[in-house]
Amino acid sequence: MPEPLWRAVRAAHGEPGRAYHNLDHVREVLARMDEVGRDIGWRSPREVFLAALFHDAVYAAGRHDNEARSAALAREAVARWLSGEGIDADLVARLILLTARHGALGPADVGEDEALFLDCDMAILGSDAAAFDAYDRGIAEEYGALPPEAYAAGRRRFFERLLAAEHIFLSPYFRGRLEGRARENLRRKLAEAPAGGGV
């Protein structure tokens, strides 16, 4: 990838206020993608890679257009630095836009690469307890401008919606590896919430 593209990715993810949606998160998603690549492979590896780099390029806690703006930034990057490389910018944008629907999609709603990509982004839910708790603290810090009660209620609703779904992970690959631990983490956080409060 061209160095100017890398600089753009680093600059976007280095903005203030990113306690979780930063370069460390991008690296974690890429590490999960490498596992998938080794074990089963990607149909469109370049597009998935670019979607991973840009899926949180624009991130402001609580905004509803982060994914759309990130997808637009990815399209601009492809046009500017990767024109003529045969990159399917529409696919890159679609993958990014799907991240807005975490917790609202079922396995039948997405293709194989889409399911695996979304699961790479959500794999933190099935990490060990310490990593999950660090993720949860990071999200809380990013939403620090919200009243604590409002944040806690929203977080609780998100966790409860995930637990109510038949599958948290959309791909059999991640479901078999991380589903059980993700459910344990989510139940534990809900149980730790104060009575009448949220997560």
C-alpha atoms as a PDB file:
ATOM      1  CA  MET A   1       0.000   0.000   0.000  1.00  0.00           C
ATOM      2  CA  PRO A   2       1.289   3.517  -0.777  1.00  0.00           C
ATOM      3  CA  GLU A   3       2.833   5.369   2.150  1.00  0.00           C
ATOM      4  CA  PRO A   4       0.440   8.362   1.819  1.00  0.00           C
ATOM      5  CA  LEU A   5      -2.481   5.973   2.348  1.00  0.00           C
ATOM      6  CA  TRP A   6      -0.849   4.605   5.509  1.00  0.00           C
ATOM      7  CA  ARG A   7      -0.286   8.159   6.725  1.00  0.00           C
ATOM      8  CA  ALA A   8      -3.971   8.945   6.213  1.00  0.00           C
ATOM      9  CA  VAL A   9      -4.991   5.853   8.181  1.00  0.00           C
ATOM     10  CA  ARG A  10      -2.603   6.644  11.035  1.00  0.00           C
ATOM     11  CA  ALA A  11      -3.734  10.269  11.182  1.00  0.00           C
ATOM     12  CA  ALA A  12      -7.421   9.359  11.257  1.00  0.00           C
ATOM     13  CA  HIS A  13      -7.024   6.827  14.051  1.00  0.00           C
ATOM     14  CA  GLY A  14      -4.718   9.054  16.065  1.00  0.00           C
ATOM     15  CA  GLU A  15      -7.325  11.741  16.671  1.00  0.00           C
ATOM     16  CA  PRO A  16      -7.986  12.705  20.309  1.00  0.00           C
ATOM     17  CA  GLY A  17     -10.718  10.915  22.221  1.00  0.00           C
ATOM     18  CA  ARG A  18     -10.161   7.478  20.711  1.00  0.00           C
ATOM     19  CA  ALA A  19      -9.792   5.184  23.699  1.00  0.00           C
ATOM     20  CA  TYR A  20     -10.806   2.062  21.764  1.00  0.00           C
ATOM     21  CA  HIS A  21     -11.392   2.921  18.082  1.00  0.00           C
ATOM     22  CA  ASN A  22      -7.714   3.599  17.436  1.00  0.00           C
ATOM     23  CA  LEU A  23      -4.803   1.958  15.626  1.00  0.00           C
ATOM     24  CA  ASP A  24      -4.648  -0.820  18.224  1.00  0.00           C
ATOM     25  CA  HIS A  25      -8.173  -1.836  17.243  1.00  0.00           C
ATOM     26  CA  VAL A  26      -7.218  -1.787  13.557  1.00  0.00           C
ATOM     27  CA  ARG A  27      -4.238  -4.030  14.329  1.00  0.00           C
ATOM     28  CA  GLU A  28      -6.477  -6.442  16.249  1.00  0.00           C
ATOM     29  CA  VAL A  29      -8.917  -6.652  13.330  1.00  0.00           C
ATOM     30  CA  LEU A  30      -6.030  -7.237  10.908  1.00  0.00           C
ATOM     31  CA  ALA A  31      -4.649  -9.985  13.147  1.00  0.00           C
ATOM     32  CA  ARG A  32      -8.033 -11.733  13.088  1.00  0.00           C
ATOM     33  CA  MET A  33      -8.128 -11.308   9.311  1.00  0.00           C
ATOM     34  CA  ASP A  34      -4.732 -12.985   9.054  1.00  0.00           C
ATOM     35  CA  GLU A  35      -6.106 -15.955  11.006  1.00  0.00           C
ATOM     36  CA  VAL A  36      -9.024 -16.232   8.593  1.00  0.00           C
ATOM     37  CA  GLY A  37      -6.683 -15.915   5.637  1.00  0.00           C
ATOM     38  CA  ARG A  38      -4.513 -18.747   6.897  1.00  0.00           C
ATOM     39  CA  ASP A  39      -7.375 -21.037   7.883  1.00  0.00           C
ATOM     40  CA  ILE A  40     -10.020 -20.592   5.195  1.00  0.00           C
ATOM     41  CA  GLY A  41      -9.070 -17.669   2.939  1.00  0.00           C
ATOM     42  CA  TRP A  42     -10.830 -14.535   1.689  1.00  0.00           C
ATOM     43  CA  ARG A  43     -12.690 -14.165  -1.590  1.00  0.00           C
ATOM     44  CA  SER A  44     -11.713 -10.462  -1.847  1.00  0.00           C
ATOM     45  CA  PRO A  45      -8.677 -10.021   0.415  1.00  0.00           C
ATOM     46  CA  ARG A  46      -7.624  -6.573  -0.819  1.00  0.00           C
ATOM     47  CA  GLU A  47     -11.069  -5.078  -0.374  1.00  0.00           C
ATOM     48  CA  VAL A  48     -11.486  -6.610   3.084  1.00  0.00           C
ATOM     49  CA  PHE A  49      -8.049  -5.297   4.062  1.00  0.00           C
ATOM     50  CA  LEU A  50      -8.944  -1.755   2.985  1.00  0.00           C
ATOM     51  CA  ALA A  51     -12.301  -1.965   4.765  1.00  0.00           C
ATOM     52  CA  ALA A  52     -10.460  -2.925   7.950  1.00  0.00           C
ATOM     53  CA  LEU A  53      -8.135   0.070   7.592  1.00  0.00           C
ATOM     54  CA  PHE A  54     -10.947   2.559   7.059  1.00  0.00           C
ATOM     55  CA  HIS A  55     -14.001   1.164   8.871  1.00  0.00           C
ATOM     56  CA  ASP A  56     -13.518   3.523  11.847  1.00  0.00           C
ATOM     57  CA  ALA A  57     -11.538   6.212  10.035  1.00  0.00           C
ATOM     58  CA  VAL A  58     -14.258   8.701  10.984  1.00  0.00           C
ATOM     59  CA  TYR A  59     -15.425   8.139  14.533  1.00  0.00           C
ATOM     60  CA  ALA A  60     -17.334  10.464  16.830  1.00  0.00           C
ATOM     61  CA  ALA A  61     -19.132   8.702  19.676  1.00  0.00           C
ATOM     62  CA  GLY A  62     -22.888   8.843  19.290  1.00  0.00           C
ATOM     63  CA  ARG A  63     -22.971  10.056  15.676  1.00  0.00           C
ATOM     64  CA  HIS A  64     -24.981   8.027  13.194  1.00  0.00           C
ATOM     65  CA  ASP A  65     -22.974   8.892  10.082  1.00  0.00           C
ATOM     66  CA  ASN A  66     -19.544   7.594  11.122  1.00  0.00           C
ATOM     67  CA  GLU A  67     -19.744   4.580   8.832  1.00  0.00           C
ATOM     68  CA  ALA A  68     -21.034   6.550   5.850  1.00  0.00           C
ATOM     69  CA  ARG A  69     -18.272   9.117   6.255  1.00  0.00           C
ATOM     70  CA  SER A  70     -15.653   6.380   6.726  1.00  0.00           C
ATOM     71  CA  ALA A  71     -16.875   4.638   3.567  1.00  0.00           C
ATOM     72  CA  ALA A  72     -16.604   7.905   1.647  1.00  0.00           C
ATOM     73  CA  LEU A  73     -13.054   8.387   2.933  1.00  0.00           C
ATOM     74  CA  ALA A  74     -12.157   4.861   1.813  1.00  0.00           C
ATOM     75  CA  ARG A  75     -13.549   5.549  -1.650  1.00  0.00           C
ATOM     76  CA  GLU A  76     -11.465   8.733  -1.850  1.00  0.00           C
ATOM     77  CA  ALA A  77      -8.342   6.827  -0.795  1.00  0.00           C
ATOM     78  CA  VAL A  78      -8.884   4.154  -3.441  1.00  0.00           C
ATOM     79  CA  ALA A  79      -9.452   6.777  -6.133  1.00  0.00           C
ATOM     80  CA  ARG A  80      -6.464   8.838  -5.049  1.00  0.00           C
ATOM     81  CA  TRP A  81      -3.819   6.221  -4.323  1.00  0.00           C
ATOM     82  CA  LEU A  82      -5.021   2.928  -5.800  1.00  0.00           C
ATOM     83  CA  SER A  83      -6.671   3.865  -9.090  1.00  0.00           C
ATOM     84  CA  GLY A  84      -5.899   1.318 -11.764  1.00  0.00           C
ATOM     85  CA  GLU A  85      -5.236  -1.404  -9.163  1.00  0.00           C
ATOM     86  CA  GLY A  86      -8.553  -3.166  -9.781  1.00  0.00           C
ATOM     87  CA  ILE A  87      -9.894  -2.475  -6.286  1.00  0.00           C
ATOM     88  CA  ASP A  88     -13.666  -2.803  -5.975  1.00  0.00           C
ATOM     89  CA  ALA A  89     -14.386   0.443  -4.103  1.00  0.00           C
ATOM     90  CA  ASP A  90     -18.095  -0.409  -3.928  1.00  0.00           C
ATOM     91  CA  LEU A  91     -17.298  -3.578  -1.993  1.00  0.00           C
ATOM     92  CA  VAL A  92     -14.963  -1.717   0.351  1.00  0.00           C
ATOM     93  CA  ALA A  93     -17.687   0.830   1.053  1.00  0.00           C
ATOM     94  CA  ARG A  94     -20.351  -1.856   1.523  1.00  0.00           C
ATOM     95  CA  LEU A  95     -18.244  -3.702   4.089  1.00  0.00           C
ATOM     96  CA  ILE A  96     -17.703  -0.486   6.039  1.00  0.00           C
ATOM     97  CA  LEU A  97     -21.385   0.456   5.911  1.00  0.00           C
ATOM     98  CA  LEU A  98     -22.361  -2.967   7.274  1.00  0.00           C
ATOM     99  CA  THR A  99     -20.488  -2.235  10.510  1.00  0.00           C
ATOM    100  CA  ALA A 100     -23.290   0.213  11.362  1.00  0.00           C
ATOM    101  CA  ARG A 101     -25.569  -2.821  11.716  1.00  0.00           C
ATOM    102  CA  HIS A 102     -23.604  -4.837  14.269  1.00  0.00           C
ATOM    103  CA  GLY A 103     -26.059  -6.794  16.368  1.00  0.00           C
ATOM    104  CA  ALA A 104     -28.893  -6.323  13.869  1.00  0.00           C
ATOM    105  CA  LEU A 105     -27.788  -8.794  11.189  1.00  0.00           C
ATOM    106  CA  GLY A 106     -28.206 -12.534  10.957  1.00  0.00           C
ATOM    107  CA  PRO A 107     -26.040 -15.029   9.065  1.00  0.00           C
ATOM    108  CA  ALA A 108     -28.556 -15.094   6.190  1.00  0.00           C
ATOM    109  CA  ASP A 109     -28.213 -11.322   5.699  1.00  0.00           C
ATOM    110  CA  VAL A 110     -24.574 -11.339   4.576  1.00  0.00           C
ATOM    111  CA  GLY A 111     -22.151 -13.159   2.310  1.00  0.00           C
ATOM    112  CA  GLU A 112     -19.139 -15.141   3.466  1.00  0.00           C
ATOM    113  CA  ASP A 113     -16.557 -12.352   3.328  1.00  0.00           C
ATOM    114  CA  GLU A 114     -19.018  -9.922   4.871  1.00  0.00           C
ATOM    115  CA  ALA A 115     -19.759 -12.259   7.781  1.00  0.00           C
ATOM    116  CA  LEU A 116     -16.088 -12.935   8.436  1.00  0.00           C
ATOM    117  CA  PHE A 117     -15.171  -9.243   8.214  1.00  0.00           C
ATOM    118  CA  LEU A 118     -17.905  -8.203  10.637  1.00  0.00           C
ATOM    119  CA  ASP A 119     -16.880 -10.985  13.006  1.00  0.00           C
ATOM    120  CA  CYS A 120     -13.250  -9.836  12.910  1.00  0.00           C
ATOM    121  CA  ASP A 121     -14.489  -6.423  14.060  1.00  0.00           C
ATOM    122  CA  MET A 122     -16.587  -7.990  16.845  1.00  0.00           C
ATOM    123  CA  ALA A 123     -14.047 -10.600  17.939  1.00  0.00           C
ATOM    124  CA  ILE A 124     -13.167  -8.532  21.023  1.00  0.00           C
ATOM    125  CA  LEU A 125     -16.460  -9.706  22.540  1.00  0.00           C
ATOM    126  CA  GLY A 126     -15.070 -13.232  22.686  1.00  0.00           C
ATOM    127  CA  SER A 127     -11.674 -12.293  24.105  1.00  0.00           C
ATOM    128  CA  ASP A 128     -10.480 -13.107  27.597  1.00  0.00           C
ATOM    129  CA  ALA A 129     -12.103 -11.228  30.476  1.00  0.00           C
ATOM    130  CA  ALA A 130      -9.257  -8.715  30.898  1.00  0.00           C
ATOM    131  CA  ALA A 131      -9.248  -7.726  27.212  1.00  0.00           C
ATOM    132  CA  PHE A 132     -13.040  -7.508  27.153  1.00  0.00           C
ATOM    133  CA  ASP A 133     -13.053  -5.269  30.231  1.00  0.00           C
ATOM    134  CA  ALA A 134     -10.402  -3.007  28.673  1.00  0.00           C
ATOM    135  CA  TYR A 135     -12.572  -2.726  25.546  1.00  0.00           C
ATOM    136  CA  ASP A 136     -15.615  -1.917  27.678  1.00  0.00           C
ATOM    137  CA  ARG A 137     -13.718   0.800  29.568  1.00  0.00           C
ATOM    138  CA  GLY A 138     -12.480   2.262  26.285  1.00  0.00           C
ATOM    139  CA  ILE A 139     -15.997   2.531  24.878  1.00  0.00           C
ATOM    140  CA  ALA A 140     -17.204   4.155  28.101  1.00  0.00           C
ATOM    141  CA  GLU A 141     -14.383   6.698  27.870  1.00  0.00           C
ATOM    142  CA  GLU A 142     -15.278   7.515  24.261  1.00  0.00           C
ATOM    143  CA  TYR A 143     -18.880   8.181  25.334  1.00  0.00           C
ATOM    144  CA  GLY A 144     -17.785  10.254  28.328  1.00  0.00           C
ATOM    145  CA  ALA A 145     -19.756  13.289  27.151  1.00  0.00           C
ATOM    146  CA  LEU A 146     -23.051  11.425  27.578  1.00  0.00           C
ATOM    147  CA  PRO A 147     -24.861  11.431  30.933  1.00  0.00           C
ATOM    148  CA  PRO A 148     -23.765   8.201  32.682  1.00  0.00           C
ATOM    149  CA  GLU A 149     -27.337   6.948  33.021  1.00  0.00           C
ATOM    150  CA  ALA A 150     -28.036   7.383  29.317  1.00  0.00           C
ATOM    151  CA  TYR A 151     -24.806   5.655  28.338  1.00  0.00           C
ATOM    152  CA  ALA A 152     -25.416   2.771  30.754  1.00  0.00           C
ATOM    153  CA  ALA A 153     -28.955   2.236  29.468  1.00  0.00           C
ATOM    154  CA  GLY A 154     -27.811   2.196  25.844  1.00  0.00           C
ATOM    155  CA  ARG A 155     -24.965  -0.157  26.590  1.00  0.00           C
ATOM    156  CA  ARG A 156     -27.292  -2.508  28.435  1.00  0.00           C
ATOM    157  CA  ARG A 157     -29.710  -2.543  25.488  1.00  0.00           C
ATOM    158  CA  PHE A 158     -26.870  -3.364  23.086  1.00  0.00           C
ATOM    159  CA  PHE A 159     -25.591  -6.231  25.223  1.00  0.00           C
ATOM    160  CA  GLU A 160     -29.094  -7.602  25.775  1.00  0.00           C
ATOM    161  CA  ARG A 161     -29.813  -7.469  22.042  1.00  0.00           C
ATOM    162  CA  LEU A 162     -26.630  -9.424  21.319  1.00  0.00           C
ATOM    163  CA  LEU A 163     -27.502 -12.046  23.922  1.00  0.00           C
ATOM    164  CA  ALA A 164     -31.049 -12.391  22.577  1.00  0.00           C
ATOM    165  CA  ALA A 165     -29.807 -13.129  19.062  1.00  0.00           C
ATOM    166  CA  GLU A 166     -29.526 -16.734  17.980  1.00  0.00           C
ATOM    167  CA  HIS A 167     -25.917 -16.056  16.976  1.00  0.00           C
ATOM    168  CA  ILE A 168     -23.605 -13.237  18.037  1.00  0.00           C
ATOM    169  CA  PHE A 169     -21.091 -14.176  15.350  1.00  0.00           C
ATOM    170  CA  LEU A 170     -22.277 -14.446  11.769  1.00  0.00           C
ATOM    171  CA  SER A 171     -19.734 -16.986  10.508  1.00  0.00           C
ATOM    172  CA  PRO A 172     -19.348 -20.598  11.626  1.00  0.00           C
ATOM    173  CA  TYR A 173     -15.606 -19.919  11.870  1.00  0.00           C
ATOM    174  CA  PHE A 174     -15.913 -17.345  14.655  1.00  0.00           C
ATOM    175  CA  ARG A 175     -19.033 -18.842  16.162  1.00  0.00           C
ATOM    176  CA  GLY A 176     -17.182 -22.036  16.966  1.00  0.00           C
ATOM    177  CA  ARG A 177     -14.218 -20.176  18.444  1.00  0.00           C
ATOM    178  CA  LEU A 178     -15.684 -17.211  20.287  1.00  0.00           C
ATOM    179  CA  GLU A 179     -19.463 -17.461  20.739  1.00  0.00           C
ATOM    180  CA  GLY A 180     -19.406 -19.131  24.153  1.00  0.00           C
ATOM    181  CA  ARG A 181     -16.857 -16.758  25.650  1.00  0.00           C
ATOM    182  CA  ALA A 182     -18.633 -13.718  24.189  1.00  0.00           C
ATOM    183  CA  ARG A 183     -21.864 -14.746  25.874  1.00  0.00           C
ATOM    184  CA  GLU A 184     -20.021 -15.279  29.165  1.00  0.00           C
ATOM    185  CA  ASN A 185     -18.488 -11.785  28.944  1.00  0.00           C
ATOM    186  CA  LEU A 186     -21.805 -10.133  28.146  1.00  0.00           C
ATOM    187  CA  ARG A 187     -23.684 -11.935  30.916  1.00  0.00           C
ATOM    188  CA  ARG A 188     -20.946 -11.072  33.391  1.00  0.00           C
ATOM    189  CA  LYS A 189     -21.083  -7.366  32.527  1.00  0.00           C
ATOM    190  CA  LEU A 190     -24.863  -7.304  32.794  1.00  0.00           C
ATOM    191  CA  ALA A 191     -24.692  -9.049  36.173  1.00  0.00           C
ATOM    192  CA  GLU A 192     -22.138  -6.506  37.424  1.00  0.00           C
ATOM    193  CA  ALA A 193     -24.381  -3.558  36.561  1.00  0.00           C
ATOM    194  CA  PRO A 194     -25.964  -1.818  39.574  1.00  0.00           C
ATOM    195  CA  ALA A 195     -29.597  -2.653  40.243  1.00  0.00           C
ATOM    196  CA  GLY A 196     -31.772  -0.406  38.143  1.00  0.00           C
ATOM    197  CA  GLY A 197     -28.754   0.822  36.227  1.00  0.00           C
ATOM    198  CA  GLY A 198     -26.911  -0.211  33.107  1.00  0.00           C
ATOM    199  CA  VAL A 199     -23.559  -1.472  32.010  1.00  0.00           C
END
